[in-house]
Protein backbone atom coordinates (compact mmCIF):
# COMPACT_ATOMS: atom_id res chain seq x y z
CA MET A 1 8.89 -30.16 -16.95
CA ALA A 2 6.89 -26.91 -16.78
CA MET A 3 5.19 -25.74 -19.95
CA ALA A 4 6.32 -22.35 -21.32
CA THR A 5 2.92 -20.84 -20.49
CA ASP A 6 3.39 -21.86 -16.86
CA LEU A 7 6.47 -19.64 -16.65
CA VAL A 8 4.65 -16.45 -17.54
CA LEU A 9 3.58 -13.82 -15.02
CA ASP A 10 -0.17 -13.29 -14.79
CA SER A 11 0.43 -9.62 -15.64
CA GLU A 12 1.72 -10.68 -19.07
CA ARG A 13 -1.57 -12.35 -19.98
CA THR A 14 -3.84 -9.31 -19.55
CA GLY A 15 -3.83 -5.53 -19.45
CA LEU A 16 -1.18 -3.32 -20.99
CA ILE A 17 1.52 -5.98 -21.26
CA GLY A 18 -0.95 -8.60 -22.49
CA ALA A 19 -1.86 -6.31 -25.39
CA LEU A 20 1.74 -6.24 -26.63
CA PRO A 21 3.25 -8.74 -29.09
CA ALA A 22 4.28 -11.89 -27.24
CA SER A 23 7.98 -11.37 -27.94
CA TRP A 24 7.87 -7.91 -26.28
CA ARG A 25 6.15 -8.97 -23.08
CA PRO A 26 9.16 -10.26 -21.10
CA TYR A 27 10.99 -6.97 -21.72
CA ALA A 28 7.92 -4.99 -20.68
CA SER A 29 7.85 -7.07 -17.49
CA LEU A 30 11.52 -6.31 -16.85
CA MET A 31 10.61 -2.62 -17.08
CA ARG A 32 7.51 -3.11 -14.83
CA LEU A 33 5.46 -1.45 -17.56
CA ASP A 34 2.28 -2.59 -15.84
CA ARG A 35 3.28 -0.90 -12.56
CA PRO A 36 3.67 2.84 -13.19
CA ILE A 37 3.73 3.65 -9.47
CA GLY A 38 7.53 3.45 -9.43
CA THR A 39 7.80 6.03 -12.20
CA TRP A 40 5.51 8.40 -10.31
CA LEU A 41 7.45 7.98 -7.07
CA LEU A 42 10.71 8.79 -8.86
CA PHE A 43 9.17 11.71 -10.74
CA TRP A 44 7.45 13.53 -7.89
CA PRO A 45 10.56 14.76 -6.01
CA CYS A 46 11.86 16.25 -9.30
CA ALA A 47 8.53 17.98 -9.90
CA TRP A 48 8.34 19.25 -6.31
CA SER A 49 11.74 20.85 -6.58
CA VAL A 50 11.00 22.49 -9.94
CA ALA A 51 7.69 23.80 -8.59
CA LEU A 52 9.20 25.09 -5.34
CA ALA A 53 11.92 26.89 -7.33
CA GLY A 54 9.14 28.86 -9.02
CA VAL A 55 9.22 27.13 -12.43
CA GLU A 56 10.18 30.49 -14.06
CA GLY A 57 8.66 29.50 -17.39
CA GLU A 58 10.49 26.16 -17.58
CA TRP A 59 7.26 24.14 -17.81
CA ALA A 60 8.81 21.69 -20.28
CA LEU A 61 10.99 20.43 -17.43
CA PHE A 62 8.04 18.50 -16.02
CA ALA A 63 7.74 16.51 -19.27
CA TRP A 64 11.48 15.89 -19.46
CA PHE A 65 11.62 14.73 -15.85
CA LEU A 66 8.65 12.42 -16.39
CA LEU A 67 10.39 10.84 -19.37
CA GLY A 68 13.60 10.56 -17.36
CA ALA A 69 11.79 9.00 -14.42
CA PHE A 70 10.18 6.42 -16.69
CA ALA A 71 13.46 5.52 -18.40
CA MET A 72 15.61 5.38 -15.27
CA ARG A 73 13.04 3.59 -13.15
CA SER A 74 12.65 1.01 -15.93
CA ALA A 75 16.42 0.68 -16.21
CA GLY A 76 16.66 0.34 -12.44
CA CYS A 77 14.10 -2.48 -12.40
CA ALA A 78 15.96 -4.36 -15.13
CA TYR A 79 19.28 -3.84 -13.32
CA ASN A 80 17.74 -4.96 -10.03
CA ASP A 81 16.52 -8.16 -11.71
CA ILE A 82 19.99 -8.76 -13.13
CA VAL A 83 21.55 -8.54 -9.68
CA ASP A 84 18.74 -10.47 -7.94
CA ARG A 85 18.09 -13.19 -10.52
CA ASP A 86 19.28 -16.01 -8.23
CA LEU A 87 17.36 -14.68 -5.22
CA ASP A 88 14.24 -14.14 -7.32
CA ARG A 89 14.14 -17.85 -8.19
CA GLN A 90 13.74 -18.61 -4.48
CA VAL A 91 10.89 -16.17 -3.78
CA GLU A 92 7.30 -17.06 -4.65
CA ARG A 93 6.36 -13.53 -5.74
CA THR A 94 9.39 -13.09 -8.04
CA LYS A 95 10.26 -16.55 -9.35
CA LEU A 96 8.43 -15.95 -12.66
CA ARG A 97 10.24 -12.71 -13.48
CA PRO A 98 11.74 -12.88 -16.99
CA LEU A 99 15.36 -13.36 -15.91
CA ALA A 100 14.60 -15.71 -13.02
CA SER A 101 12.45 -17.91 -15.25
CA GLY A 102 14.94 -17.85 -18.14
CA ARG A 103 12.63 -16.13 -20.66
CA VAL A 104 15.18 -13.32 -21.08
CA SER A 105 18.93 -13.90 -21.20
CA LEU A 106 21.42 -11.94 -19.14
CA LYS A 107 22.82 -10.35 -22.31
CA GLN A 108 19.36 -9.24 -23.41
CA ALA A 109 18.62 -7.75 -19.99
CA TRP A 110 21.85 -5.75 -20.08
CA ALA A 111 21.06 -4.51 -23.60
CA LEU A 112 17.66 -3.26 -22.44
CA THR A 113 19.20 -1.58 -19.39
CA ILE A 114 21.78 0.24 -21.50
CA ALA A 115 19.17 1.36 -24.05
CA LEU A 116 17.01 2.83 -21.27
CA CYS A 117 20.03 4.59 -19.78
CA LEU A 118 20.66 6.22 -23.17
CA VAL A 119 17.13 7.65 -23.01
CA GLY A 120 18.04 8.98 -19.57
CA LEU A 121 21.15 10.54 -21.08
CA ILE A 122 19.03 12.41 -23.62
CA VAL A 123 17.00 13.86 -20.74
CA LEU A 124 20.17 14.72 -18.81
CA LEU A 125 21.50 16.76 -21.73
CA GLN A 126 18.42 19.02 -21.56
CA LEU A 127 19.43 20.27 -18.10
CA PRO A 128 21.85 23.00 -17.00
CA LEU A 129 25.39 21.87 -16.13
CA ALA A 130 24.87 22.11 -12.36
CA ALA A 131 21.80 19.86 -12.55
CA GLN A 132 23.66 17.42 -14.82
CA LEU A 133 26.54 17.06 -12.35
CA ILE A 134 24.20 16.56 -9.39
CA ALA A 135 22.21 13.93 -11.32
CA LEU A 136 25.38 12.05 -12.30
CA ALA A 137 26.47 11.97 -8.65
CA SER A 138 23.56 9.63 -7.90
CA LEU A 139 24.82 6.83 -10.17
CA ALA A 140 27.02 5.21 -7.53
CA LEU A 141 24.07 5.10 -5.11
CA VAL A 142 21.87 3.57 -7.80
CA ALA A 143 24.44 0.91 -8.69
CA ALA A 144 24.89 -0.13 -5.06
CA TYR A 145 21.23 -0.27 -4.08
CA PRO A 146 20.37 -3.89 -5.08
CA PHE A 147 23.17 -5.15 -2.83
CA MET A 148 22.03 -3.27 0.28
CA LYS A 149 19.43 -5.84 1.35
CA ARG A 150 22.29 -8.32 1.74
CA ILE A 151 24.25 -5.91 3.95
CA THR A 152 21.90 -3.84 6.12
CA TRP A 153 18.52 -4.20 7.79
CA TRP A 154 17.63 -0.80 6.33
CA PRO A 155 18.05 -1.05 2.54
CA GLN A 156 15.00 1.21 2.42
CA ALA A 157 17.20 4.05 3.73
CA TRP A 158 19.52 3.58 0.75
CA LEU A 159 16.50 3.60 -1.57
CA GLY A 160 15.50 6.82 0.15
CA LEU A 161 18.76 8.44 -0.92
CA VAL A 162 18.20 7.28 -4.51
CA PHE A 163 14.48 7.94 -5.03
CA SER A 164 14.61 11.37 -3.41
CA TRP A 165 17.61 12.56 -5.47
CA GLY A 166 15.39 14.36 -7.96
CA ALA A 167 14.70 16.98 -5.30
CA LEU A 168 18.35 18.01 -5.63
CA VAL A 169 18.19 18.06 -9.44
CA GLY A 170 14.93 19.96 -10.01
CA TRP A 171 15.88 23.22 -8.30
CA PRO A 172 19.15 23.84 -10.22
CA SER A 173 17.32 22.88 -13.41
CA VAL A 174 15.31 26.08 -12.90
CA THR A 175 17.79 28.39 -11.18
CA GLY A 176 21.17 27.05 -12.30
CA SER A 177 22.40 26.36 -8.76
CA LEU A 178 21.48 24.39 -5.64
CA ALA A 179 19.87 26.12 -2.65
CA ALA A 180 18.86 25.28 0.92
CA PRO A 181 15.14 24.60 0.25
CA ALA A 182 16.04 21.85 -2.24
CA VAL A 183 18.41 20.18 0.24
CA THR A 184 15.77 20.29 2.98
CA LEU A 185 13.15 18.98 0.55
CA TRP A 186 15.52 16.11 -0.33
CA ALA A 187 16.09 15.27 3.35
CA GLY A 188 12.34 15.12 4.02
CA THR A 189 11.76 12.98 0.96
CA ILE A 190 14.26 10.41 2.22
CA PHE A 191 12.05 9.80 5.27
CA TRP A 192 8.96 9.56 3.06
CA VAL A 193 10.62 6.94 0.85
CA VAL A 194 11.77 4.89 3.83
CA GLY A 195 8.23 5.04 5.20
CA TYR A 196 6.41 3.93 2.07
CA ASP A 197 9.01 1.29 1.19
CA THR A 198 8.76 -0.15 4.70
CA ILE A 199 5.04 -0.52 4.02
CA TYR A 200 5.81 -2.16 0.67
CA ALA A 201 8.27 -4.59 2.27
CA ILE A 202 5.57 -5.95 4.62
CA GLN A 203 4.24 -8.15 1.80
CA ASP A 204 7.64 -9.86 1.40
CA LYS A 205 8.54 -10.46 5.06
CA GLU A 206 8.08 -14.22 5.04
CA ASP A 207 9.89 -14.83 1.76
CA ASP A 208 12.67 -12.44 2.77
CA ALA A 209 13.17 -14.35 6.00
CA LEU A 210 13.40 -17.66 4.12
CA VAL A 211 16.13 -16.45 1.75
CA GLY A 212 17.95 -14.29 4.31
CA VAL A 213 17.11 -10.89 2.79
CA LYS A 214 17.04 -7.95 5.19
CA SER A 215 14.43 -5.17 5.22
CA SER A 216 13.11 -2.41 7.45
CA ALA A 217 9.76 -4.24 7.65
CA ARG A 218 11.54 -7.22 9.21
CA ALA A 219 13.58 -4.92 11.43
CA VAL A 220 10.57 -3.11 12.93
CA GLY A 221 8.34 -6.21 12.99
CA THR A 222 5.08 -5.60 14.83
CA ARG A 223 6.06 -1.96 15.39
CA ALA A 224 5.52 -1.09 11.71
CA ARG A 225 2.71 1.38 12.41
CA PRO A 226 4.57 3.59 14.91
CA ALA A 227 7.74 3.32 12.80
CA VAL A 228 5.97 4.54 9.66
CA THR A 229 4.24 7.25 11.68
CA LEU A 230 7.58 8.61 12.93
CA LEU A 231 9.09 8.46 9.45
CA TYR A 232 6.16 10.36 7.95
CA LEU A 233 6.27 12.96 10.74
CA ALA A 234 9.95 13.54 9.99
CA ALA A 235 9.15 13.88 6.29
CA LEU A 236 6.38 16.40 6.93
CA GLY A 237 8.53 18.42 9.33
CA LEU A 238 11.35 18.75 6.82
CA TRP A 239 9.00 19.44 3.91
CA GLY A 240 7.37 22.18 5.96
CA TRP A 241 10.78 23.64 6.69
CA ALA A 242 11.69 23.54 2.97
CA LEU A 243 8.51 25.40 2.05
CA TRP A 244 9.15 27.91 4.86
CA GLN A 245 12.69 28.48 3.58
CA ALA A 246 11.25 29.27 0.16
CA LYS A 247 8.52 31.54 1.58
CA PRO A 248 8.41 32.20 5.35
CA HIS A 249 4.66 32.55 5.54
CA VAL A 250 1.83 30.57 7.13
CA LEU A 251 0.76 29.71 3.57
CA ALA A 252 3.69 27.30 3.43
CA LEU A 253 2.27 25.22 6.26
CA ILE A 254 -1.37 25.44 5.19
CA ALA A 255 -0.45 24.24 1.69
CA LEU A 256 1.06 21.07 3.16
CA ALA A 257 -1.99 20.19 5.27
CA PRO A 258 -3.74 17.94 2.67
CA ALA A 259 -0.59 15.84 2.28
CA ALA A 260 -0.25 15.62 6.06
CA LEU A 261 -3.81 14.33 6.39
CA HIS A 262 -3.24 11.74 3.67
CA LEU A 263 -0.06 10.45 5.31
CA ALA A 264 -1.81 10.32 8.69
CA TRP A 265 -4.50 8.13 7.12
CA GLN A 266 -1.84 5.88 5.61
CA ALA A 267 0.04 5.44 8.86
CA ALA A 268 -3.16 4.64 10.76
CA GLN A 269 -3.98 1.84 8.30
CA VAL A 270 -0.63 0.03 8.47
CA ASP A 271 -0.97 -3.61 9.48
CA PRO A 272 2.33 -5.52 9.80
CA ASP A 273 0.56 -8.79 8.94
CA ASP A 274 -1.52 -7.71 5.93
CA GLY A 275 0.44 -7.76 2.69
CA ASP A 276 -2.53 -6.89 0.48
CA GLU A 277 -3.31 -3.78 2.52
CA ALA A 278 0.38 -2.87 2.49
CA LEU A 279 0.43 -2.87 -1.31
CA ARG A 280 -2.70 -0.69 -1.45
CA LEU A 281 -1.22 1.83 0.98
CA PHE A 282 2.09 1.87 -0.86
CA ARG A 283 0.37 2.65 -4.16
CA SER A 284 -1.60 5.47 -2.57
CA ASN A 285 1.64 7.44 -2.33
CA ARG A 286 1.10 8.61 -5.90
CA PHE A 287 -1.57 10.84 -4.34
CA THR A 288 0.86 11.95 -1.65
CA GLY A 289 3.13 13.06 -4.47
CA LEU A 290 0.35 15.02 -6.14
CA LEU A 291 -0.62 16.74 -2.88
CA VAL A 292 2.96 17.75 -2.05
CA PHE A 293 3.38 18.95 -5.65
CA ALA A 294 0.36 21.21 -5.24
CA ALA A 295 1.86 22.62 -2.04
CA CYS A 296 5.24 23.27 -3.68
CA LEU A 297 3.62 24.87 -6.72
CA VAL A 298 1.46 27.20 -4.63
CA VAL A 299 4.43 28.30 -2.53
CA GLY A 300 6.86 28.45 -5.44
CA LEU A 301 4.61 30.61 -7.60
CA SER A 302 3.85 32.93 -4.66
CA VAL A 303 7.50 33.65 -3.81
CA GLY A 304 8.17 37.33 -4.32
CA SER A 305 4.50 38.20 -4.61
């Protein structure tokens, strides 16, 4: 029989989670506290939309959205582990997750998920009514996401709908209503999410095949590089259009150039057989988010000037 210490993720022995009291560590792992990339990827579309709307003095929105992204991403990870606990036991990379290994009970995982959702509710109540209603509309998509990899070869497209939703929420948080640039920004962000999550899924292709889980990385196979390239081109085209809708000026396109160069570098590095490189490229999208944010802020603050 395995010793208790053998059932602990390496990430719980060192770093941020390792510094916590032992009894807290499984819950921190459920929240992926040691992997903030997911919080950033959920936050950036919100921040882009607020910035492109011109901010209009609502600078505190960035802090509220960051808190909301942390809470809801953490809740989403815990919920995903609840749904996938049986699959996780069959996959080498996930078999030591707290629920799969039995270190956290199902009841405890649900309690954590609900508590995190209550934090998200506090953030929601800070927003105008229009933004609240749009945010609430995403809940059905969020609830269905963990099941998509059992249904479609493109669960990444469903994740794209979910992780890009903040682009629809940020704009009305500033202006009180939705507008075309936010919708176009959302559409472009869907393609970005599908692209980076296809890269992420490369590292799980073999395990996914063994347990019968579908993914875009398995669907495109050796054509991962051209597939990601096309997805990123679509994202950049729609983002450029969104910025142009906000301010029809060459500045809108120039501002997006650094992000375009970064995504071109990413796409050129994609190797369908290198999981370690895939993880590195996936994580580099936090810089994509920062570069697109800079573009949206420059254009948003220049509107009307």
